[in-house]
Structures are given as structure tokens and as C-alpha cells.
Amino acid sequence: MRLAAISIPQPRSPIDTAHQRKATIYQGAGITFVADWDAFEFHITAQPSYSTTVMERTVLPLAEREGLTLLPYEEGLTELTADGSTRIHLIPAADVEVEL
């Protein structure tokens, strides 16, 4: 019997791909997710009526796939917007070199 060789894709590293990314925007269920590597802008905006299920099953895993994590609570950069939504800032999960 002959075994076929398979290739297992490696997870994307934010360090390796930061300069190759386009902005990722998700909008639905009262939630907007923005990951714009060129502008170095990463956040989730949740309206008061947002879906916790969509946040847990779609948005947070999307942020993780983009190489982002929630800003530590101690940093205190969660904002309340004029329309009553909450904006939660994200940061790269690993150090990323950024050209300014």
C-alpha cells in the first residue's frame, strides 16, 4: 500500500502577513468588526441590541483568525459611542512590525 503525502497548512502569523492584508469588515446582528492593518485600526462596535451568539461564534473567532485579541481590561479603552453602542478596541496578538 502506498501512502500519499499530505500538506497541512500552517496558521497565518500576524508578523508575516501584516503588510499583505486588506481591511476586513464584518457587519451584522448589531455588530461591526473592523481590522484595517494599513490604518492600524482594530475594533468591534456592538449596538445595545447586539447578538451575543454572533459575537461568540462569529466575531471573536474572526478577530482571532485575523491575529487580533481583546485589549486588556486594565487598558480601559472601551468607548461608549454617541448612538449608545460600545466600541471595544483590539490589538495584534503578536508583535507586528509597522512601517510608518
PDB file of N, CA and C in Angstrom:
ATOM      1  N   MET A   1       0.838  -1.163   0.000  1.00  0.00           N
ATOM      2  CA  MET A   1       0.000   0.000   0.000  1.00  0.00           C
ATOM      3  C   MET A   1       0.894   1.242   0.000  1.00  0.00           C
ATOM      4  N   ARG A   2       0.523   2.195  -0.788  1.00  0.00           N
ATOM      5  CA  ARG A   2       1.295   3.419  -0.917  1.00  0.00           C
ATOM      6  C   ARG A   2       0.555   4.550  -0.183  1.00  0.00           C
ATOM      7  N   LEU A   3       1.262   5.290   0.639  1.00  0.00           N
ATOM      8  CA  LEU A   3       0.668   6.399   1.372  1.00  0.00           C
ATOM      9  C   LEU A   3       0.908   7.696   0.610  1.00  0.00           C
ATOM     10  N   ALA A   4      -0.112   8.499   0.539  1.00  0.00           N
ATOM     11  CA  ALA A   4       0.008   9.786  -0.137  1.00  0.00           C
ATOM     12  C   ALA A   4       0.509  10.834   0.852  1.00  0.00           C
ATOM     13  N   ALA A   5       1.351  11.696   0.387  1.00  0.00           N
ATOM     14  CA  ALA A   5       1.840  12.787   1.227  1.00  0.00           C
ATOM     15  C   ALA A   5       0.768  13.880   1.260  1.00  0.00           C
ATOM     16  N   ILE A   6       0.563  14.404   2.442  1.00  0.00           N
ATOM     17  CA  ILE A   6      -0.393  15.489   2.553  1.00  0.00           C
ATOM     18  C   ILE A   6       0.310  16.728   3.106  1.00  0.00           C
ATOM     19  N   SER A   7      -0.231  17.844   2.791  1.00  0.00           N
ATOM     20  CA  SER A   7       0.318  19.106   3.255  1.00  0.00           C
ATOM     21  C   SER A   7      -0.677  19.723   4.231  1.00  0.00           C
ATOM     22  N   ILE A   8      -0.206  20.068   5.408  1.00  0.00           N
ATOM     23  CA  ILE A   8      -1.055  20.696   6.409  1.00  0.00           C
ATOM     24  C   ILE A   8      -0.708  22.183   6.431  1.00  0.00           C
ATOM     25  N   PRO A   9      -1.693  23.032   6.107  1.00  0.00           N
ATOM     26  CA  PRO A   9      -1.395  24.467   6.101  1.00  0.00           C
ATOM     27  C   PRO A   9      -1.074  24.970   7.503  1.00  0.00           C
ATOM     28  N   GLN A  10      -0.101  25.855   7.588  1.00  0.00           N
ATOM     29  CA  GLN A  10       0.287  26.451   8.850  1.00  0.00           C
ATOM     30  C   GLN A  10      -0.584  27.667   9.111  1.00  0.00           C
ATOM     31  N   PRO A  11      -0.904  27.957  10.372  1.00  0.00           N
ATOM     32  CA  PRO A  11      -1.697  29.156  10.665  1.00  0.00           C
ATOM     33  C   PRO A  11      -0.948  30.410  10.228  1.00  0.00           C
ATOM     34  N   ARG A  12      -1.715  31.429   9.832  1.00  0.00           N
ATOM     35  CA  ARG A  12      -1.096  32.690   9.425  1.00  0.00           C
ATOM     36  C   ARG A  12      -0.496  33.378  10.633  1.00  0.00           C
ATOM     37  N   SER A  13       0.651  33.934  10.445  1.00  0.00           N
ATOM     38  CA  SER A  13       1.282  34.706  11.503  1.00  0.00           C
ATOM     39  C   SER A  13       1.050  36.186  11.235  1.00  0.00           C
ATOM     40  N   PRO A  14       0.571  36.952  12.228  1.00  0.00           N
ATOM     41  CA  PRO A  14       0.386  38.382  12.017  1.00  0.00           C
ATOM     42  C   PRO A  14       1.680  39.076  11.621  1.00  0.00           C
ATOM     43  N   ILE A  15       2.798  38.553  12.102  1.00  0.00           N
ATOM     44  CA  ILE A  15       4.097  39.153  11.791  1.00  0.00           C
ATOM     45  C   ILE A  15       4.415  38.983  10.311  1.00  0.00           C
ATOM     46  N   ASP A  16       4.160  37.796   9.758  1.00  0.00           N
ATOM     47  CA  ASP A  16       4.489  37.512   8.367  1.00  0.00           C
ATOM     48  C   ASP A  16       3.553  38.167   7.374  1.00  0.00           C
ATOM     49  N   THR A  17       2.305  38.375   7.740  1.00  0.00           N
ATOM     50  CA  THR A  17       1.317  38.792   6.747  1.00  0.00           C
ATOM     51  C   THR A  17       0.727  40.178   6.965  1.00  0.00           C
ATOM     52  N   ALA A  18       1.205  40.937   7.936  1.00  0.00           N
ATOM     53  CA  ALA A  18       0.612  42.240   8.237  1.00  0.00           C
ATOM     54  C   ALA A  18       0.646  43.179   7.041  1.00  0.00           C
ATOM     55  N   HIS A  19       1.680  43.115   6.244  1.00  0.00           N
ATOM     56  CA  HIS A  19       1.809  44.029   5.123  1.00  0.00           C
ATOM     57  C   HIS A  19       1.047  43.561   3.894  1.00  0.00           C
ATOM     58  N   GLN A  20       0.502  42.351   3.909  1.00  0.00           N
ATOM     59  CA  GLN A  20      -0.193  41.802   2.760  1.00  0.00           C
ATOM     60  C   GLN A  20      -1.715  41.849   2.927  1.00  0.00           C
ATOM     61  N   ARG A  21      -2.223  42.319   4.028  1.00  0.00           N
ATOM     62  CA  ARG A  21      -3.648  42.232   4.326  1.00  0.00           C
ATOM     63  C   ARG A  21      -4.436  43.430   3.832  1.00  0.00           C
ATOM     64  N   LYS A  22      -5.641  43.159   3.464  1.00  0.00           N
ATOM     65  CA  LYS A  22      -6.621  44.199   3.171  1.00  0.00           C
ATOM     66  C   LYS A  22      -7.463  44.384   4.435  1.00  0.00           C
ATOM     67  N   ALA A  23      -8.251  45.421   4.466  1.00  0.00           N
ATOM     68  CA  ALA A  23      -9.134  45.632   5.608  1.00  0.00           C
ATOM     69  C   ALA A  23     -10.211  44.550   5.630  1.00  0.00           C
ATOM     70  N   THR A  24     -10.521  44.053   6.804  1.00  0.00           N
ATOM     71  CA  THR A  24     -11.590  43.092   6.987  1.00  0.00           C
ATOM     72  C   THR A  24     -12.699  43.782   7.766  1.00  0.00           C
ATOM     73  N   ILE A  25     -13.894  43.742   7.220  1.00  0.00           N
ATOM     74  CA  ILE A  25     -15.030  44.365   7.889  1.00  0.00           C
ATOM     75  C   ILE A  25     -16.181  43.367   7.903  1.00  0.00           C
ATOM     76  N   TYR A  26     -16.759  43.158   9.082  1.00  0.00           N
ATOM     77  CA  TYR A  26     -17.938  42.307   9.234  1.00  0.00           C
ATOM     78  C   TYR A  26     -19.027  43.189   9.827  1.00  0.00           C
ATOM     79  N   GLN A  27     -20.231  43.074   9.298  1.00  0.00           N
ATOM     80  CA  GLN A  27     -21.330  43.844   9.844  1.00  0.00           C
ATOM     81  C   GLN A  27     -22.575  42.963   9.860  1.00  0.00           C
ATOM     82  N   GLY A  28     -23.176  42.811  11.028  1.00  0.00           N
ATOM     83  CA  GLY A  28     -24.395  42.028  11.149  1.00  0.00           C
ATOM     84  C   GLY A  28     -24.768  41.812  12.600  1.00  0.00           C
ATOM     85  N   ALA A  29     -26.044  41.567  12.846  1.00  0.00           N
ATOM     86  CA  ALA A  29     -26.576  41.259  14.183  1.00  0.00           C
ATOM     87  C   ALA A  29     -26.221  42.320  15.207  1.00  0.00           C
ATOM     88  N   GLY A  30     -26.146  43.592  14.761  1.00  0.00           N
ATOM     89  CA  GLY A  30     -25.846  44.676  15.682  1.00  0.00           C
ATOM     90  C   GLY A  30     -24.376  44.827  16.013  1.00  0.00           C
ATOM     91  N   ILE A  31     -23.503  44.179  15.220  1.00  0.00           N
ATOM     92  CA  ILE A  31     -22.068  44.191  15.494  1.00  0.00           C
ATOM     93  C   ILE A  31     -21.320  44.607  14.231  1.00  0.00           C
ATOM     94  N   THR A  32     -20.318  45.471  14.410  1.00  0.00           N
ATOM     95  CA  THR A  32     -19.403  45.811  13.328  1.00  0.00           C
ATOM     96  C   THR A  32     -17.993  45.476  13.801  1.00  0.00           C
ATOM     97  N   PHE A  33     -17.269  44.717  12.978  1.00  0.00           N
ATOM     98  CA  PHE A  33     -15.882  44.342  13.272  1.00  0.00           C
ATOM     99  C   PHE A  33     -15.014  44.969  12.192  1.00  0.00           C
ATOM    100  N   VAL A  34     -13.968  45.681  12.605  1.00  0.00           N
ATOM    101  CA  VAL A  34     -13.047  46.304  11.662  1.00  0.00           C
ATOM    102  C   VAL A  34     -11.622  45.885  11.997  1.00  0.00           C
ATOM    103  N   ALA A  35     -10.915  45.377  10.997  1.00  0.00           N
ATOM    104  CA  ALA A  35      -9.489  45.061  11.115  1.00  0.00           C
ATOM    105  C   ALA A  35      -8.808  45.672   9.899  1.00  0.00           C
ATOM    106  N   ASP A  36      -8.286  46.867  10.066  1.00  0.00           N
ATOM    107  CA  ASP A  36      -7.634  47.594   8.980  1.00  0.00           C
ATOM    108  C   ASP A  36      -6.154  47.713   9.317  1.00  0.00           C
ATOM    109  N   TRP A  37      -5.353  46.845   8.714  1.00  0.00           N
ATOM    110  CA  TRP A  37      -3.931  46.799   9.034  1.00  0.00           C
ATOM    111  C   TRP A  37      -3.193  48.016   8.507  1.00  0.00           C
ATOM    112  N   ASP A  38      -3.614  48.573   7.373  1.00  0.00           N
ATOM    113  CA  ASP A  38      -2.945  49.764   6.839  1.00  0.00           C
ATOM    114  C   ASP A  38      -3.123  50.960   7.768  1.00  0.00           C
ATOM    115  N   ALA A  39      -4.315  51.136   8.308  1.00  0.00           N
ATOM    116  CA  ALA A  39      -4.588  52.241   9.235  1.00  0.00           C
ATOM    117  C   ALA A  39      -4.290  51.861  10.682  1.00  0.00           C
ATOM    118  N   PHE A  40      -3.944  50.601  10.925  1.00  0.00           N
ATOM    119  CA  PHE A  40      -3.700  50.052  12.263  1.00  0.00           C
ATOM    120  C   PHE A  40      -4.886  50.367  13.167  1.00  0.00           C
ATOM    121  N   GLU A  41      -6.071  50.040  12.657  1.00  0.00           N
ATOM    122  CA  GLU A  41      -7.329  50.276  13.374  1.00  0.00           C
ATOM    123  C   GLU A  41      -8.060  48.948  13.524  1.00  0.00           C
ATOM    124  N   PHE A  42      -8.292  48.538  14.771  1.00  0.00           N
ATOM    125  CA  PHE A  42      -8.928  47.262  15.050  1.00  0.00           C
ATOM    126  C   PHE A  42      -9.963  47.462  16.152  1.00  0.00           C
ATOM    127  N   HIS A  43     -11.225  47.191  15.864  1.00  0.00           N
ATOM    128  CA  HIS A  43     -12.236  47.324  16.903  1.00  0.00           C
ATOM    129  C   HIS A  43     -13.510  46.553  16.558  1.00  0.00           C
ATOM    130  N   ILE A  44     -14.293  46.346  17.602  1.00  0.00           N
ATOM    131  CA  ILE A  44     -15.628  45.761  17.498  1.00  0.00           C
ATOM    132  C   ILE A  44     -16.577  46.808  18.075  1.00  0.00           C
ATOM    133  N   THR A  45     -17.621  47.136  17.329  1.00  0.00           N
ATOM    134  CA  THR A  45     -18.642  48.043  17.832  1.00  0.00           C
ATOM    135  C   THR A  45     -19.935  47.254  17.970  1.00  0.00           C
ATOM    136  N   ALA A  46     -20.485  47.226  19.178  1.00  0.00           N
ATOM    137  CA  ALA A  46     -21.701  46.455  19.454  1.00  0.00           C
ATOM    138  C   ALA A  46     -22.825  47.402  19.856  1.00  0.00           C
ATOM    139  N   GLN A  47     -23.925  47.341  19.114  1.00  0.00           N
ATOM    140  CA  GLN A  47     -25.109  48.125  19.464  1.00  0.00           C
ATOM    141  C   GLN A  47     -25.761  47.501  20.689  1.00  0.00           C
ATOM    142  N   PRO A  48     -26.580  48.268  21.421  1.00  0.00           N
ATOM    143  CA  PRO A  48     -27.208  47.715  22.623  1.00  0.00           C
ATOM    144  C   PRO A  48     -27.980  46.419  22.372  1.00  0.00           C
ATOM    145  N   SER A  49     -28.520  46.239  21.182  1.00  0.00           N
ATOM    146  CA  SER A  49     -29.315  45.045  20.874  1.00  0.00           C
ATOM    147  C   SER A  49     -28.505  43.954  20.167  1.00  0.00           C
ATOM    148  N   TYR A  50     -27.163  43.986  20.283  1.00  0.00           N
ATOM    149  CA  TYR A  50     -26.334  43.028  19.551  1.00  0.00           C
ATOM    150  C   TYR A  50     -26.605  41.590  19.984  1.00  0.00           C
ATOM    151  N   SER A  51     -26.267  40.665  19.104  1.00  0.00           N
ATOM    152  CA  SER A  51     -26.448  39.244  19.381  1.00  0.00           C
ATOM    153  C   SER A  51     -25.203  38.678  20.058  1.00  0.00           C
ATOM    154  N   THR A  52     -25.357  38.205  21.290  1.00  0.00           N
ATOM    155  CA  THR A  52     -24.221  37.607  21.991  1.00  0.00           C
ATOM    156  C   THR A  52     -23.765  36.324  21.308  1.00  0.00           C
ATOM    157  N   THR A  53     -24.697  35.618  20.700  1.00  0.00           N
ATOM    158  CA  THR A  53     -24.352  34.379  19.994  1.00  0.00           C
ATOM    159  C   THR A  53     -23.454  34.676  18.798  1.00  0.00           C
ATOM    160  N   VAL A  54     -23.805  35.692  18.019  1.00  0.00           N
ATOM    161  CA  VAL A  54     -22.983  36.066  16.864  1.00  0.00           C
ATOM    162  C   VAL A  54     -21.623  36.567  17.333  1.00  0.00           C
ATOM    163  N   MET A  55     -21.596  37.321  18.416  1.00  0.00           N
ATOM    164  CA  MET A  55     -20.321  37.801  18.952  1.00  0.00           C
ATOM    165  C   MET A  55     -19.424  36.618  19.300  1.00  0.00           C
ATOM    166  N   GLU A  56     -19.982  35.649  20.009  1.00  0.00           N
ATOM    167  CA  GLU A  56     -19.198  34.497  20.476  1.00  0.00           C
ATOM    168  C   GLU A  56     -18.802  33.549  19.354  1.00  0.00           C
ATOM    169  N   ARG A  57     -19.721  33.273  18.440  1.00  0.00           N
ATOM    170  CA  ARG A  57     -19.480  32.246  17.421  1.00  0.00           C
ATOM    171  C   ARG A  57     -18.889  32.772  16.118  1.00  0.00           C
ATOM    172  N   THR A  58     -19.042  34.065  15.859  1.00  0.00           N
ATOM    173  CA  THR A  58     -18.587  34.601  14.576  1.00  0.00           C
ATOM    174  C   THR A  58     -17.520  35.675  14.738  1.00  0.00           C
ATOM    175  N   VAL A  59     -17.815  36.714  15.497  1.00  0.00           N
ATOM    176  CA  VAL A  59     -16.934  37.879  15.535  1.00  0.00           C
ATOM    177  C   VAL A  59     -15.637  37.609  16.297  1.00  0.00           C
ATOM    178  N   LEU A  60     -15.710  37.062  17.495  1.00  0.00           N
ATOM    179  CA  LEU A  60     -14.481  36.800  18.251  1.00  0.00           C
ATOM    180  C   LEU A  60     -13.576  35.783  17.547  1.00  0.00           C
ATOM    181  N   PRO A  61     -14.119  34.686  16.973  1.00  0.00           N
ATOM    182  CA  PRO A  61     -13.252  33.798  16.193  1.00  0.00           C
ATOM    183  C   PRO A  61     -12.660  34.485  14.945  1.00  0.00           C
ATOM    184  N   LEU A  62     -13.420  35.391  14.320  1.00  0.00           N
ATOM    185  CA  LEU A  62     -12.902  36.141  13.175  1.00  0.00           C
ATOM    186  C   LEU A  62     -11.728  37.013  13.606  1.00  0.00           C
ATOM    187  N   ALA A  63     -11.862  37.681  14.726  1.00  0.00           N
ATOM    188  CA  ALA A  63     -10.764  38.508  15.247  1.00  0.00           C
ATOM    189  C   ALA A  63      -9.528  37.648  15.513  1.00  0.00           C
ATOM    190  N   GLU A  64      -9.743  36.481  16.068  1.00  0.00           N
ATOM    191  CA  GLU A  64      -8.623  35.575  16.346  1.00  0.00           C
ATOM    192  C   GLU A  64      -7.944  35.127  15.056  1.00  0.00           C
ATOM    193  N   ARG A  65      -8.734  34.797  14.042  1.00  0.00           N
ATOM    194  CA  ARG A  65      -8.160  34.405  12.745  1.00  0.00           C
ATOM    195  C   ARG A  65      -7.380  35.546  12.098  1.00  0.00           C
ATOM    196  N   GLU A  66      -7.776  36.768  12.396  1.00  0.00           N
ATOM    197  CA  GLU A  66      -7.076  37.944  11.878  1.00  0.00           C
ATOM    198  C   GLU A  66      -5.813  38.252  12.685  1.00  0.00           C
ATOM    199  N   GLY A  67      -5.561  37.473  13.741  1.00  0.00           N
ATOM    200  CA  GLY A  67      -4.367  37.692  14.565  1.00  0.00           C
ATOM    201  C   GLY A  67      -4.558  38.776  15.615  1.00  0.00           C
ATOM    202  N   LEU A  68      -5.816  38.988  16.038  1.00  0.00           N
ATOM    203  CA  LEU A  68      -6.123  40.048  16.999  1.00  0.00           C
ATOM    204  C   LEU A  68      -6.663  39.465  18.295  1.00  0.00           C
ATOM    205  N   THR A  69      -6.521  40.224  19.355  1.00  0.00           N
ATOM    206  CA  THR A  69      -7.052  39.847  20.653  1.00  0.00           C
ATOM    207  C   THR A  69      -7.646  41.078  21.319  1.00  0.00           C
ATOM    208  N   LEU A  70      -8.518  40.861  22.282  1.00  0.00           N
ATOM    209  CA  LEU A  70      -9.117  41.983  23.010  1.00  0.00           C
ATOM    210  C   LEU A  70      -8.046  42.741  23.785  1.00  0.00           C
ATOM    211  N   LEU A  71      -8.174  44.048  23.816  1.00  0.00           N
ATOM    212  CA  LEU A  71      -7.279  44.875  24.599  1.00  0.00           C
ATOM    213  C   LEU A  71      -7.508  44.532  26.070  1.00  0.00           C
ATOM    214  N   PRO A  72      -6.454  44.388  26.859  1.00  0.00           N
ATOM    215  CA  PRO A  72      -6.648  44.063  28.272  1.00  0.00           C
ATOM    216  C   PRO A  72      -7.564  45.068  28.968  1.00  0.00           C
ATOM    217  N   TYR A  73      -8.406  44.567  29.847  1.00  0.00           N
ATOM    218  CA  TYR A  73      -9.385  45.395  30.557  1.00  0.00           C
ATOM    219  C   TYR A  73      -8.718  46.577  31.271  1.00  0.00           C
ATOM    220  N   GLU A  74      -7.528  46.337  31.800  1.00  0.00           N
ATOM    221  CA  GLU A  74      -6.821  47.375  32.552  1.00  0.00           C
ATOM    222  C   GLU A  74      -6.485  48.580  31.684  1.00  0.00           C
ATOM    223  N   GLU A  75      -6.394  48.390  30.367  1.00  0.00           N
ATOM    224  CA  GLU A  75      -6.060  49.492  29.464  1.00  0.00           C
ATOM    225  C   GLU A  75      -7.214  50.493  29.374  1.00  0.00           C
ATOM    226  N   GLY A  76      -8.429  50.030  29.615  1.00  0.00           N
ATOM    227  CA  GLY A  76      -9.580  50.908  29.698  1.00  0.00           C
ATOM    228  C   GLY A  76      -9.933  51.669  28.435  1.00  0.00           C
ATOM    229  N   LEU A  77      -9.745  51.096  27.277  1.00  0.00           N
ATOM    230  CA  LEU A  77     -10.025  51.810  26.043  1.00  0.00           C
ATOM    231  C   LEU A  77     -11.332  51.386  25.389  1.00  0.00           C
ATOM    232  N   THR A  78     -12.300  50.951  26.182  1.00  0.00           N
ATOM    233  CA  THR A  78     -13.634  50.684  25.657  1.00  0.00           C
ATOM    234  C   THR A  78     -14.382  52.008  25.656  1.00  0.00           C
ATOM    235  N   GLU A  79     -15.061  52.300  24.543  1.00  0.00           N
ATOM    236  CA  GLU A  79     -15.751  53.584  24.411  1.00  0.00           C
ATOM    237  C   GLU A  79     -17.251  53.390  24.293  1.00  0.00           C
ATOM    238  N   LEU A  80     -17.989  54.368  24.768  1.00  0.00           N
ATOM    239  CA  LEU A  80     -19.423  54.433  24.537  1.00  0.00           C
ATOM    240  C   LEU A  80     -19.623  55.478  23.446  1.00  0.00           C
ATOM    241  N   THR A  81     -20.209  55.078  22.310  1.00  0.00           N
ATOM    242  CA  THR A  81     -20.385  55.996  21.186  1.00  0.00           C
ATOM    243  C   THR A  81     -21.667  56.812  21.350  1.00  0.00           C
ATOM    244  N   ALA A  82     -21.837  57.812  20.499  1.00  0.00           N
ATOM    245  CA  ALA A  82     -22.986  58.719  20.582  1.00  0.00           C
ATOM    246  C   ALA A  82     -24.328  58.001  20.432  1.00  0.00           C
ATOM    247  N   ASP A  83     -24.339  56.898  19.668  1.00  0.00           N
ATOM    248  CA  ASP A  83     -25.609  56.174  19.471  1.00  0.00           C
ATOM    249  C   ASP A  83     -25.863  55.111  20.537  1.00  0.00           C
ATOM    250  N   GLY A  84     -25.028  55.070  21.578  1.00  0.00           N
ATOM    251  CA  GLY A  84     -25.213  54.110  22.663  1.00  0.00           C
ATOM    252  C   GLY A  84     -24.516  52.786  22.458  1.00  0.00           C
ATOM    253  N   SER A  85     -23.783  52.654  21.356  1.00  0.00           N
ATOM    254  CA  SER A  85     -23.023  51.424  21.098  1.00  0.00           C
ATOM    255  C   SER A  85     -21.745  51.416  21.930  1.00  0.00           C
ATOM    256  N   THR A  86     -21.201  50.235  22.109  1.00  0.00           N
ATOM    257  CA  THR A  86     -19.934  50.070  22.818  1.00  0.00           C
ATOM    258  C   THR A  86     -18.863  49.686  21.812  1.00  0.00           C
ATOM    259  N   ARG A  87     -17.758  50.403  21.811  1.00  0.00           N
ATOM    260  CA  ARG A  87     -16.632  50.082  20.930  1.00  0.00           C
ATOM    261  C   ARG A  87     -15.527  49.466  21.762  1.00  0.00           C
ATOM    262  N   ILE A  88     -15.132  48.265  21.383  1.00  0.00           N
ATOM    263  CA  ILE A  88     -14.089  47.512  22.080  1.00  0.00           C
ATOM    264  C   ILE A  88     -12.874  47.482  21.169  1.00  0.00           C
ATOM    265  N   HIS A  89     -11.749  47.975  21.653  1.00  0.00           N
ATOM    266  CA  HIS A  89     -10.539  48.011  20.841  1.00  0.00           C
ATOM    267  C   HIS A  89      -9.788  46.686  20.934  1.00  0.00           C
ATOM    268  N   LEU A  90      -9.165  46.323  19.835  1.00  0.00           N
ATOM    269  CA  LEU A  90      -8.393  45.091  19.728  1.00  0.00           C
ATOM    270  C   LEU A  90      -6.932  45.452  19.468  1.00  0.00           C
ATOM    271  N   ILE A  91      -6.049  44.504  19.749  1.00  0.00           N
ATOM    272  CA  ILE A  91      -4.635  44.675  19.472  1.00  0.00           C
ATOM    273  C   ILE A  91      -4.107  43.409  18.801  1.00  0.00           C
ATOM    274  N   PRO A  92      -3.005  43.522  18.060  1.00  0.00           N
ATOM    275  CA  PRO A  92      -2.403  42.315  17.491  1.00  0.00           C
ATOM    276  C   PRO A  92      -2.011  41.341  18.600  1.00  0.00           C
ATOM    277  N   ALA A  93      -2.251  40.061  18.357  1.00  0.00           N
ATOM    278  CA  ALA A  93      -1.950  39.031  19.350  1.00  0.00           C
ATOM    279  C   ALA A  93      -0.452  38.820  19.484  1.00  0.00           C
ATOM    280  N   ALA A  94       0.321  39.210  18.466  1.00  0.00           N
ATOM    281  CA  ALA A  94       1.773  39.081  18.493  1.00  0.00           C
ATOM    282  C   ALA A  94       2.346  40.423  18.054  1.00  0.00           C
ATOM    283  N   ASP A  95       3.612  40.644  18.351  1.00  0.00           N
ATOM    284  CA  ASP A  95       4.237  41.886  17.905  1.00  0.00           C
ATOM    285  C   ASP A  95       4.254  41.927  16.386  1.00  0.00           C
ATOM    286  N   VAL A  96       3.863  43.067  15.848  1.00  0.00           N
ATOM    287  CA  VAL A  96       3.823  43.267  14.405  1.00  0.00           C
ATOM    288  C   VAL A  96       4.669  44.488  14.089  1.00  0.00           C
ATOM    289  N   GLU A  97       5.561  44.346  13.112  1.00  0.00           N
ATOM    290  CA  GLU A  97       6.347  45.485  12.683  1.00  0.00           C
ATOM    291  C   GLU A  97       5.489  46.332  11.766  1.00  0.00           C
ATOM    292  N   VAL A  98       5.422  47.603  12.048  1.00  0.00           N
ATOM    293  CA  VAL A  98       4.603  48.511  11.263  1.00  0.00           C
ATOM    294  C   VAL A  98       5.493  49.585  10.677  1.00  0.00           C
ATOM    295  N   GLU A  99       5.382  49.798   9.362  1.00  0.00           N
ATOM    296  CA  GLU A  99       6.129  50.867   8.715  1.00  0.00           C
ATOM    297  C   GLU A  99       5.275  52.124   8.752  1.00  0.00           C
ATOM    298  N   LEU A 100       5.822  53.185   9.297  1.00  0.00           N
ATOM    299  CA  LEU A 100       5.094  54.454   9.361  1.00  0.00           C
ATOM    300  C   LEU A 100       5.586  55.398   8.307  1.00  0.00           C
TER     301      LEU A 100
END
